[in-house]
Amino acid sequence: MTKLLYKPVSLAVSALGGVLAGLISKQIWKRATGREDTPTATDRAYSWRQVVLAAAVQGAIFGAVKAAVDRAGASGYRKATGDWPGEE
């Protein structure tokens, strides 16, 4: 039963993690290039290399932040309830 209660908490934590990852990747891109926004695949002003590199950096940051936030949420849930929400 308590694992069902974790689902809404997990969704909220994941959403916050996505926002955080976006902010982090935007700051890293800005510091590395001096440009405000990361390029999109259809942005003509950027080369293939820049577009693919930006996407790879965004993906790596998103994956790392998501894992860290999900793990922290699971750990907090365990401290609050005594149950681990995933596989033990």
PDB file of N, CA and C in Angstrom:
ATOM      1  N   MET A   1       0.821  -1.200   0.000  1.00  0.00           N
ATOM      2  CA  MET A   1       0.000   0.000   0.000  1.00  0.00           C
ATOM      3  C   MET A   1       0.863   1.261   0.000  1.00  0.00           C
ATOM      4  N   THR A   2       1.897   1.266   0.818  1.00  0.00           N
ATOM      5  CA  THR A   2       2.715   2.480   0.897  1.00  0.00           C
ATOM      6  C   THR A   2       3.472   2.743  -0.396  1.00  0.00           C
ATOM      7  N   LYS A   3       3.759   1.689  -1.157  1.00  0.00           N
ATOM      8  CA  LYS A   3       4.436   1.899  -2.437  1.00  0.00           C
ATOM      9  C   LYS A   3       3.530   2.622  -3.429  1.00  0.00           C
ATOM     10  N   LEU A   4       2.221   2.458  -3.310  1.00  0.00           N
ATOM     11  CA  LEU A   4       1.282   3.204  -4.146  1.00  0.00           C
ATOM     12  C   LEU A   4       1.315   4.686  -3.809  1.00  0.00           C
ATOM     13  N   LEU A   5       1.569   4.996  -2.557  1.00  0.00           N
ATOM     14  CA  LEU A   5       1.671   6.400  -2.145  1.00  0.00           C
ATOM     15  C   LEU A   5       2.933   7.058  -2.707  1.00  0.00           C
ATOM     16  N   TYR A   6       3.922   6.265  -3.021  1.00  0.00           N
ATOM     17  CA  TYR A   6       5.177   6.811  -3.544  1.00  0.00           C
ATOM     18  C   TYR A   6       5.012   7.349  -4.962  1.00  0.00           C
ATOM     19  N   LYS A   7       4.101   6.806  -5.736  1.00  0.00           N
ATOM     20  CA  LYS A   7       3.952   7.189  -7.149  1.00  0.00           C
ATOM     21  C   LYS A   7       3.737   8.695  -7.342  1.00  0.00           C
ATOM     22  N   PRO A   8       2.789   9.338  -6.640  1.00  0.00           N
ATOM     23  CA  PRO A   8       2.626  10.782  -6.832  1.00  0.00           C
ATOM     24  C   PRO A   8       3.853  11.577  -6.377  1.00  0.00           C
ATOM     25  N   VAL A   9       4.500  11.119  -5.329  1.00  0.00           N
ATOM     26  CA  VAL A   9       5.719  11.775  -4.862  1.00  0.00           C
ATOM     27  C   VAL A   9       6.801  11.662  -5.930  1.00  0.00           C
ATOM     28  N   SER A  10       6.920  10.485  -6.502  1.00  0.00           N
ATOM     29  CA  SER A  10       7.914  10.242  -7.543  1.00  0.00           C
ATOM     30  C   SER A  10       7.678  11.128  -8.762  1.00  0.00           C
ATOM     31  N   LEU A  11       6.426  11.288  -9.171  1.00  0.00           N
ATOM     32  CA  LEU A  11       6.107  12.131 -10.322  1.00  0.00           C
ATOM     33  C   LEU A  11       6.479  13.591 -10.065  1.00  0.00           C
ATOM     34  N   ALA A  12       6.168  14.078  -8.877  1.00  0.00           N
ATOM     35  CA  ALA A  12       6.497  15.463  -8.533  1.00  0.00           C
ATOM     36  C   ALA A  12       8.004  15.677  -8.476  1.00  0.00           C
ATOM     37  N   VAL A  13       8.706  14.742  -7.869  1.00  0.00           N
ATOM     38  CA  VAL A  13      10.156  14.841  -7.763  1.00  0.00           C
ATOM     39  C   VAL A  13      10.798  14.775  -9.144  1.00  0.00           C
ATOM     40  N   SER A  14      10.300  13.909 -10.018  1.00  0.00           N
ATOM     41  CA  SER A  14      10.833  13.798 -11.375  1.00  0.00           C
ATOM     42  C   SER A  14      10.615  15.083 -12.167  1.00  0.00           C
ATOM     43  N   ALA A  15       9.461  15.705 -12.011  1.00  0.00           N
ATOM     44  CA  ALA A  15       9.193  16.965 -12.706  1.00  0.00           C
ATOM     45  C   ALA A  15      10.163  18.045 -12.249  1.00  0.00           C
ATOM     46  N   LEU A  16      10.385  18.136 -10.956  1.00  0.00           N
ATOM     47  CA  LEU A  16      11.347  19.111 -10.438  1.00  0.00           C
ATOM     48  C   LEU A  16      12.756  18.805 -10.930  1.00  0.00           C
ATOM     49  N   GLY A  17      13.091  17.541 -11.031  1.00  0.00           N
ATOM     50  CA  GLY A  17      14.388  17.139 -11.555  1.00  0.00           C
ATOM     51  C   GLY A  17      14.566  17.557 -13.007  1.00  0.00           C
ATOM     52  N   GLY A  18      13.514  17.437 -13.802  1.00  0.00           N
ATOM     53  CA  GLY A  18      13.575  17.864 -15.196  1.00  0.00           C
ATOM     54  C   GLY A  18      13.810  19.359 -15.326  1.00  0.00           C
ATOM     55  N   VAL A  19      13.139  20.127 -14.493  1.00  0.00           N
ATOM     56  CA  VAL A  19      13.340  21.578 -14.492  1.00  0.00           C
ATOM     57  C   VAL A  19      14.768  21.907 -14.080  1.00  0.00           C
ATOM     58  N   LEU A  20      15.244  21.259 -13.047  1.00  0.00           N
ATOM     59  CA  LEU A  20      16.611  21.481 -12.575  1.00  0.00           C
ATOM     60  C   LEU A  20      17.631  21.118 -13.646  1.00  0.00           C
ATOM     61  N   ALA A  21      17.440  20.004 -14.314  1.00  0.00           N
ATOM     62  CA  ALA A  21      18.359  19.583 -15.376  1.00  0.00           C
ATOM     63  C   ALA A  21      18.381  20.597 -16.516  1.00  0.00           C
ATOM     64  N   GLY A  22      17.223  21.131 -16.868  1.00  0.00           N
ATOM     65  CA  GLY A  22      17.164  22.146 -17.912  1.00  0.00           C
ATOM     66  C   GLY A  22      17.928  23.397 -17.533  1.00  0.00           C
ATOM     67  N   LEU A  23      17.787  23.824 -16.292  1.00  0.00           N
ATOM     68  CA  LEU A  23      18.509  25.008 -15.824  1.00  0.00           C
ATOM     69  C   LEU A  23      20.020  24.780 -15.819  1.00  0.00           C
ATOM     70  N   ILE A  24      20.430  23.604 -15.377  1.00  0.00           N
ATOM     71  CA  ILE A  24      21.860  23.282 -15.335  1.00  0.00           C
ATOM     72  C   ILE A  24      22.443  23.237 -16.741  1.00  0.00           C
ATOM     73  N   SER A  25      21.776  22.566 -17.666  1.00  0.00           N
ATOM     74  CA  SER A  25      22.321  22.452 -19.023  1.00  0.00           C
ATOM     75  C   SER A  25      22.358  23.813 -19.706  1.00  0.00           C
ATOM     76  N   LYS A  26      21.372  24.647 -19.441  1.00  0.00           N
ATOM     77  CA  LYS A  26      21.358  25.992 -20.027  1.00  0.00           C
ATOM     78  C   LYS A  26      22.541  26.815 -19.509  1.00  0.00           C
ATOM     79  N   GLN A  27      22.825  26.721 -18.221  1.00  0.00           N
ATOM     80  CA  GLN A  27      23.948  27.457 -17.643  1.00  0.00           C
ATOM     81  C   GLN A  27      25.286  26.952 -18.182  1.00  0.00           C
ATOM     82  N   ILE A  28      25.426  25.655 -18.313  1.00  0.00           N
ATOM     83  CA  ILE A  28      26.676  25.099 -18.838  1.00  0.00           C
ATOM     84  C   ILE A  28      26.881  25.551 -20.281  1.00  0.00           C
ATOM     85  N   TRP A  29      25.827  25.500 -21.094  1.00  0.00           N
ATOM     86  CA  TRP A  29      25.935  25.939 -22.485  1.00  0.00           C
ATOM     87  C   TRP A  29      26.299  27.421 -22.546  1.00  0.00           C
ATOM     88  N   LYS A  30      25.653  28.219 -21.709  1.00  0.00           N
ATOM     89  CA  LYS A  30      25.898  29.662 -21.691  1.00  0.00           C
ATOM     90  C   LYS A  30      27.344  29.972 -21.318  1.00  0.00           C
ATOM     91  N   ARG A  31      27.863  29.285 -20.327  1.00  0.00           N
ATOM     92  CA  ARG A  31      29.258  29.509 -19.905  1.00  0.00           C
ATOM     93  C   ARG A  31      30.263  28.997 -20.929  1.00  0.00           C
ATOM     94  N   ALA A  32      29.922  27.926 -21.593  1.00  0.00           N
ATOM     95  CA  ALA A  32      30.843  27.345 -22.569  1.00  0.00           C
ATOM     96  C   ALA A  32      30.866  28.119 -23.886  1.00  0.00           C
ATOM     97  N   THR A  33      29.712  28.673 -24.280  1.00  0.00           N
ATOM     98  CA  THR A  33      29.628  29.307 -25.595  1.00  0.00           C
ATOM     99  C   THR A  33      29.345  30.801 -25.563  1.00  0.00           C
ATOM    100  N   GLY A  34      28.850  31.293 -24.452  1.00  0.00           N
ATOM    101  CA  GLY A  34      28.468  32.695 -24.370  1.00  0.00           C
ATOM    102  C   GLY A  34      27.093  32.978 -24.955  1.00  0.00           C
ATOM    103  N   ARG A  35      26.427  31.955 -25.448  1.00  0.00           N
ATOM    104  CA  ARG A  35      25.084  32.109 -26.023  1.00  0.00           C
ATOM    105  C   ARG A  35      24.036  31.683 -25.008  1.00  0.00           C
ATOM    106  N   GLU A  36      22.908  32.355 -25.066  1.00  0.00           N
ATOM    107  CA  GLU A  36      21.851  32.146 -24.075  1.00  0.00           C
ATOM    108  C   GLU A  36      21.156  30.786 -24.199  1.00  0.00           C
ATOM    109  N   ASP A  37      20.763  30.410 -25.408  1.00  0.00           N
ATOM    110  CA  ASP A  37      19.991  29.179 -25.605  1.00  0.00           C
ATOM    111  C   ASP A  37      20.808  28.104 -26.301  1.00  0.00           C
ATOM    112  N   THR A  38      20.500  26.852 -25.960  1.00  0.00           N
ATOM    113  CA  THR A  38      21.144  25.736 -26.644  1.00  0.00           C
ATOM    114  C   THR A  38      20.518  25.578 -28.025  1.00  0.00           C
ATOM    115  N   PRO A  39      21.282  25.093 -28.985  1.00  0.00           N
ATOM    116  CA  PRO A  39      20.725  24.961 -30.335  1.00  0.00           C
ATOM    117  C   PRO A  39      19.728  23.815 -30.439  1.00  0.00           C
ATOM    118  N   THR A  40      18.800  23.988 -31.354  1.00  0.00           N
ATOM    119  CA  THR A  40      17.878  22.908 -31.671  1.00  0.00           C
ATOM    120  C   THR A  40      18.351  22.270 -32.978  1.00  0.00           C
ATOM    121  N   ALA A  41      17.834  21.124 -33.280  1.00  0.00           N
ATOM    122  CA  ALA A  41      18.270  20.392 -34.472  1.00  0.00           C
ATOM    123  C   ALA A  41      17.982  21.160 -35.760  1.00  0.00           C
ATOM    124  N   THR A  42      16.994  22.020 -35.752  1.00  0.00           N
ATOM    125  CA  THR A  42      16.633  22.743 -36.975  1.00  0.00           C
ATOM    126  C   THR A  42      17.159  24.178 -37.007  1.00  0.00           C
ATOM    127  N   ASP A  43      18.009  24.533 -36.052  1.00  0.00           N
ATOM    128  CA  ASP A  43      18.563  25.884 -36.007  1.00  0.00           C
ATOM    129  C   ASP A  43      19.727  25.996 -36.989  1.00  0.00           C
ATOM    130  N   ARG A  44      19.537  26.783 -38.020  1.00  0.00           N
ATOM    131  CA  ARG A  44      20.526  26.902 -39.092  1.00  0.00           C
ATOM    132  C   ARG A  44      21.821  27.571 -38.674  1.00  0.00           C
ATOM    133  N   ALA A  45      21.783  28.346 -37.610  1.00  0.00           N
ATOM    134  CA  ALA A  45      22.954  29.116 -37.182  1.00  0.00           C
ATOM    135  C   ALA A  45      24.042  28.247 -36.554  1.00  0.00           C
ATOM    136  N   TYR A  46      23.723  26.990 -36.270  1.00  0.00           N
ATOM    137  CA  TYR A  46      24.679  26.101 -35.616  1.00  0.00           C
ATOM    138  C   TYR A  46      25.103  24.988 -36.562  1.00  0.00           C
ATOM    139  N   SER A  47      26.322  24.503 -36.361  1.00  0.00           N
ATOM    140  CA  SER A  47      26.834  23.395 -37.169  1.00  0.00           C
ATOM    141  C   SER A  47      26.279  22.070 -36.632  1.00  0.00           C
ATOM    142  N   TRP A  48      26.461  21.019 -37.422  1.00  0.00           N
ATOM    143  CA  TRP A  48      26.091  19.677 -36.982  1.00  0.00           C
ATOM    144  C   TRP A  48      26.779  19.353 -35.658  1.00  0.00           C
ATOM    145  N   ARG A  49      28.049  19.643 -35.608  1.00  0.00           N
ATOM    146  CA  ARG A  49      28.834  19.327 -34.408  1.00  0.00           C
ATOM    147  C   ARG A  49      28.248  20.007 -33.176  1.00  0.00           C
ATOM    148  N   GLN A  50      27.919  21.296 -33.287  1.00  0.00           N
ATOM    149  CA  GLN A  50      27.368  22.028 -32.153  1.00  0.00           C
ATOM    150  C   GLN A  50      26.012  21.468 -31.727  1.00  0.00           C
ATOM    151  N   VAL A  51      25.180  21.148 -32.688  1.00  0.00           N
ATOM    152  CA  VAL A  51      23.842  20.624 -32.376  1.00  0.00           C
ATOM    153  C   VAL A  51      23.943  19.268 -31.678  1.00  0.00           C
ATOM    154  N   VAL A  52      24.767  18.383 -32.217  1.00  0.00           N
ATOM    155  CA  VAL A  52      24.893  17.045 -31.629  1.00  0.00           C
ATOM    156  C   VAL A  52      25.585  17.113 -30.262  1.00  0.00           C
ATOM    157  N   LEU A  53      26.597  17.949 -30.140  1.00  0.00           N
ATOM    158  CA  LEU A  53      27.276  18.098 -28.849  1.00  0.00           C
ATOM    159  C   LEU A  53      26.322  18.658 -27.798  1.00  0.00           C
ATOM    160  N   ALA A  54      25.552  19.668 -28.156  1.00  0.00           N
ATOM    161  CA  ALA A  54      24.587  20.240 -27.210  1.00  0.00           C
ATOM    162  C   ALA A  54      23.565  19.200 -26.779  1.00  0.00           C
ATOM    163  N   ALA A  55      23.083  18.392 -27.717  1.00  0.00           N
ATOM    164  CA  ALA A  55      22.108  17.349 -27.391  1.00  0.00           C
ATOM    165  C   ALA A  55      22.724  16.290 -26.474  1.00  0.00           C
ATOM    166  N   ALA A  56      23.969  15.922 -26.733  1.00  0.00           N
ATOM    167  CA  ALA A  56      24.641  14.922 -25.898  1.00  0.00           C
ATOM    168  C   ALA A  56      24.844  15.441 -24.479  1.00  0.00           C
ATOM    169  N   VAL A  57      25.251  16.694 -24.364  1.00  0.00           N
ATOM    170  CA  VAL A  57      25.450  17.293 -23.039  1.00  0.00           C
ATOM    171  C   VAL A  57      24.119  17.379 -22.299  1.00  0.00           C
ATOM    172  N   GLN A  58      23.082  17.826 -22.985  1.00  0.00           N
ATOM    173  CA  GLN A  58      21.758  17.902 -22.357  1.00  0.00           C
ATOM    174  C   GLN A  58      21.292  16.528 -21.889  1.00  0.00           C
ATOM    175  N   GLY A  59      21.489  15.509 -22.716  1.00  0.00           N
ATOM    176  CA  GLY A  59      21.077  14.159 -22.351  1.00  0.00           C
ATOM    177  C   GLY A  59      21.835  13.619 -21.152  1.00  0.00           C
ATOM    178  N   ALA A  60      23.144  13.853 -21.130  1.00  0.00           N
ATOM    179  CA  ALA A  60      23.954  13.383 -20.002  1.00  0.00           C
ATOM    180  C   ALA A  60      23.551  14.090 -18.707  1.00  0.00           C
ATOM    181  N   ILE A  61      23.342  15.389 -18.787  1.00  0.00           N
ATOM    182  CA  ILE A  61      22.941  16.141 -17.598  1.00  0.00           C
ATOM    183  C   ILE A  61      21.567  15.686 -17.128  1.00  0.00           C
ATOM    184  N   PHE A  62      20.640  15.547 -18.064  1.00  0.00           N
ATOM    185  CA  PHE A  62      19.295  15.114 -17.693  1.00  0.00           C
ATOM    186  C   PHE A  62      19.327  13.735 -17.029  1.00  0.00           C
ATOM    187  N   GLY A  63      20.082  12.815 -17.611  1.00  0.00           N
ATOM    188  CA  GLY A  63      20.165  11.466 -17.039  1.00  0.00           C
ATOM    189  C   GLY A  63      20.761  11.460 -15.646  1.00  0.00           C
ATOM    190  N   ALA A  64      21.829  12.228 -15.453  1.00  0.00           N
ATOM    191  CA  ALA A  64      22.482  12.272 -14.140  1.00  0.00           C
ATOM    192  C   ALA A  64      21.586  12.932 -13.098  1.00  0.00           C
ATOM    193  N   VAL A  65      20.960  14.040 -13.464  1.00  0.00           N
ATOM    194  CA  VAL A  65      20.087  14.730 -12.510  1.00  0.00           C
ATOM    195  C   VAL A  65      18.871  13.866 -12.187  1.00  0.00           C
ATOM    196  N   LYS A  66      18.292  13.230 -13.185  1.00  0.00           N
ATOM    197  CA  LYS A  66      17.136  12.371 -12.950  1.00  0.00           C
ATOM    198  C   LYS A  66      17.482  11.227 -12.003  1.00  0.00           C
ATOM    199  N   ALA A  67      18.628  10.597 -12.229  1.00  0.00           N
ATOM    200  CA  ALA A  67      19.041   9.496 -11.349  1.00  0.00           C
ATOM    201  C   ALA A  67      19.261   9.995  -9.924  1.00  0.00           C
ATOM    202  N   ALA A  68      19.926  11.135  -9.786  1.00  0.00           N
ATOM    203  CA  ALA A  68      20.197  11.685  -8.454  1.00  0.00           C
ATOM    204  C   ALA A  68      18.911  12.078  -7.735  1.00  0.00           C
ATOM    205  N   VAL A  69      18.003  12.723  -8.451  1.00  0.00           N
ATOM    206  CA  VAL A  69      16.748  13.161  -7.843  1.00  0.00           C
ATOM    207  C   VAL A  69      15.867  11.964  -7.498  1.00  0.00           C
ATOM    208  N   ASP A  70      15.780  10.987  -8.390  1.00  0.00           N
ATOM    209  CA  ASP A  70      14.985   9.789  -8.107  1.00  0.00           C
ATOM    210  C   ASP A  70      15.542   9.025  -6.915  1.00  0.00           C
ATOM    211  N   ARG A  71      16.855   8.927  -6.846  1.00  0.00           N
ATOM    212  CA  ARG A  71      17.479   8.218  -5.718  1.00  0.00           C
ATOM    213  C   ARG A  71      17.243   8.959  -4.409  1.00  0.00           C
ATOM    214  N   ALA A  72      17.373  10.287  -4.446  1.00  0.00           N
ATOM    215  CA  ALA A  72      17.133  11.087  -3.241  1.00  0.00           C
ATOM    216  C   ALA A  72      15.670  10.967  -2.809  1.00  0.00           C
ATOM    217  N   GLY A  73      14.751  10.960  -3.771  1.00  0.00           N
ATOM    218  CA  GLY A  73      13.337  10.794  -3.434  1.00  0.00           C
ATOM    219  C   GLY A  73      13.057   9.444  -2.806  1.00  0.00           C
ATOM    220  N   ALA A  74      13.657   8.395  -3.349  1.00  0.00           N
ATOM    221  CA  ALA A  74      13.469   7.052  -2.786  1.00  0.00           C
ATOM    222  C   ALA A  74      14.068   6.962  -1.383  1.00  0.00           C
ATOM    223  N   SER A  75      15.227   7.571  -1.206  1.00  0.00           N
ATOM    224  CA  SER A  75      15.857   7.562   0.124  1.00  0.00           C
ATOM    225  C   SER A  75      15.017   8.326   1.139  1.00  0.00           C
ATOM    226  N   GLY A  76      14.488   9.470   0.732  1.00  0.00           N
ATOM    227  CA  GLY A  76      13.619  10.245   1.620  1.00  0.00           C
ATOM    228  C   GLY A  76      12.346   9.492   1.962  1.00  0.00           C
ATOM    229  N   TYR A  77      11.790   8.810   0.973  1.00  0.00           N
ATOM    230  CA  TYR A  77      10.594   8.013   1.204  1.00  0.00           C
ATOM    231  C   TYR A  77      10.881   6.897   2.202  1.00  0.00           C
ATOM    232  N   ARG A  78      12.043   6.277   2.056  1.00  0.00           N
ATOM    233  CA  ARG A  78      12.410   5.200   2.986  1.00  0.00           C
ATOM    234  C   ARG A  78      12.558   5.724   4.414  1.00  0.00           C
ATOM    235  N   LYS A  79      13.176   6.888   4.531  1.00  0.00           N
ATOM    236  CA  LYS A  79      13.332   7.476   5.870  1.00  0.00           C
ATOM    237  C   LYS A  79      11.973   7.820   6.483  1.00  0.00           C
ATOM    238  N   ALA A  80      11.044   8.263   5.660  1.00  0.00           N
ATOM    239  CA  ALA A  80       9.728   8.670   6.165  1.00  0.00           C
ATOM    240  C   ALA A  80       8.826   7.486   6.488  1.00  0.00           C
ATOM    241  N   THR A  81       8.922   6.403   5.689  1.00  0.00           N
ATOM    242  CA  THR A  81       7.984   5.285   5.849  1.00  0.00           C
ATOM    243  C   THR A  81       8.628   3.988   6.314  1.00  0.00           C
ATOM    244  N   GLY A  82       9.921   3.869   6.136  1.00  0.00           N
ATOM    245  CA  GLY A  82      10.588   2.607   6.468  1.00  0.00           C
ATOM    246  C   GLY A  82      10.587   1.613   5.325  1.00  0.00           C
ATOM    247  N   ASP A  83       9.883   1.922   4.242  1.00  0.00           N
ATOM    248  CA  ASP A  83       9.811   1.034   3.074  1.00  0.00           C
ATOM    249  C   ASP A  83      10.620   1.612   1.922  1.00  0.00           C
ATOM    250  N   TRP A  84      11.294   0.740   1.187  1.00  0.00           N
ATOM    251  CA  TRP A  84      11.985   1.147  -0.029  1.00  0.00           C
ATOM    252  C   TRP A  84      10.991   1.024  -1.175  1.00  0.00           C
ATOM    253  N   PRO A  85      10.830   2.074  -2.000  1.00  0.00           N
ATOM    254  CA  PRO A  85       9.780   2.049  -3.024  1.00  0.00           C
ATOM    255  C   PRO A  85      10.067   1.178  -4.235  1.00  0.00           C
ATOM    256  N   GLY A  86      11.295   0.763  -4.439  1.00  0.00           N
ATOM    257  CA  GLY A  86      11.629  -0.019  -5.628  1.00  0.00           C
ATOM    258  C   GLY A  86      12.041  -1.427  -5.262  1.00  0.00           C
ATOM    259  N   GLU A  87      12.836  -1.994  -6.159  1.00  0.00           N
ATOM    260  CA  GLU A  87      13.359  -3.343  -5.930  1.00  0.00           C
ATOM    261  C   GLU A  87      14.373  -3.316  -4.789  1.00  0.00           C
ATOM    262  N   GLU A  88      14.293  -4.320  -3.932  1.00  0.00           N
ATOM    263  CA  GLU A  88      15.228  -4.363  -2.808  1.00  0.00           C
ATOM    264  C   GLU A  88      16.365  -5.302  -3.084  1.00  0.00           C
TER     265      GLU A  88
END
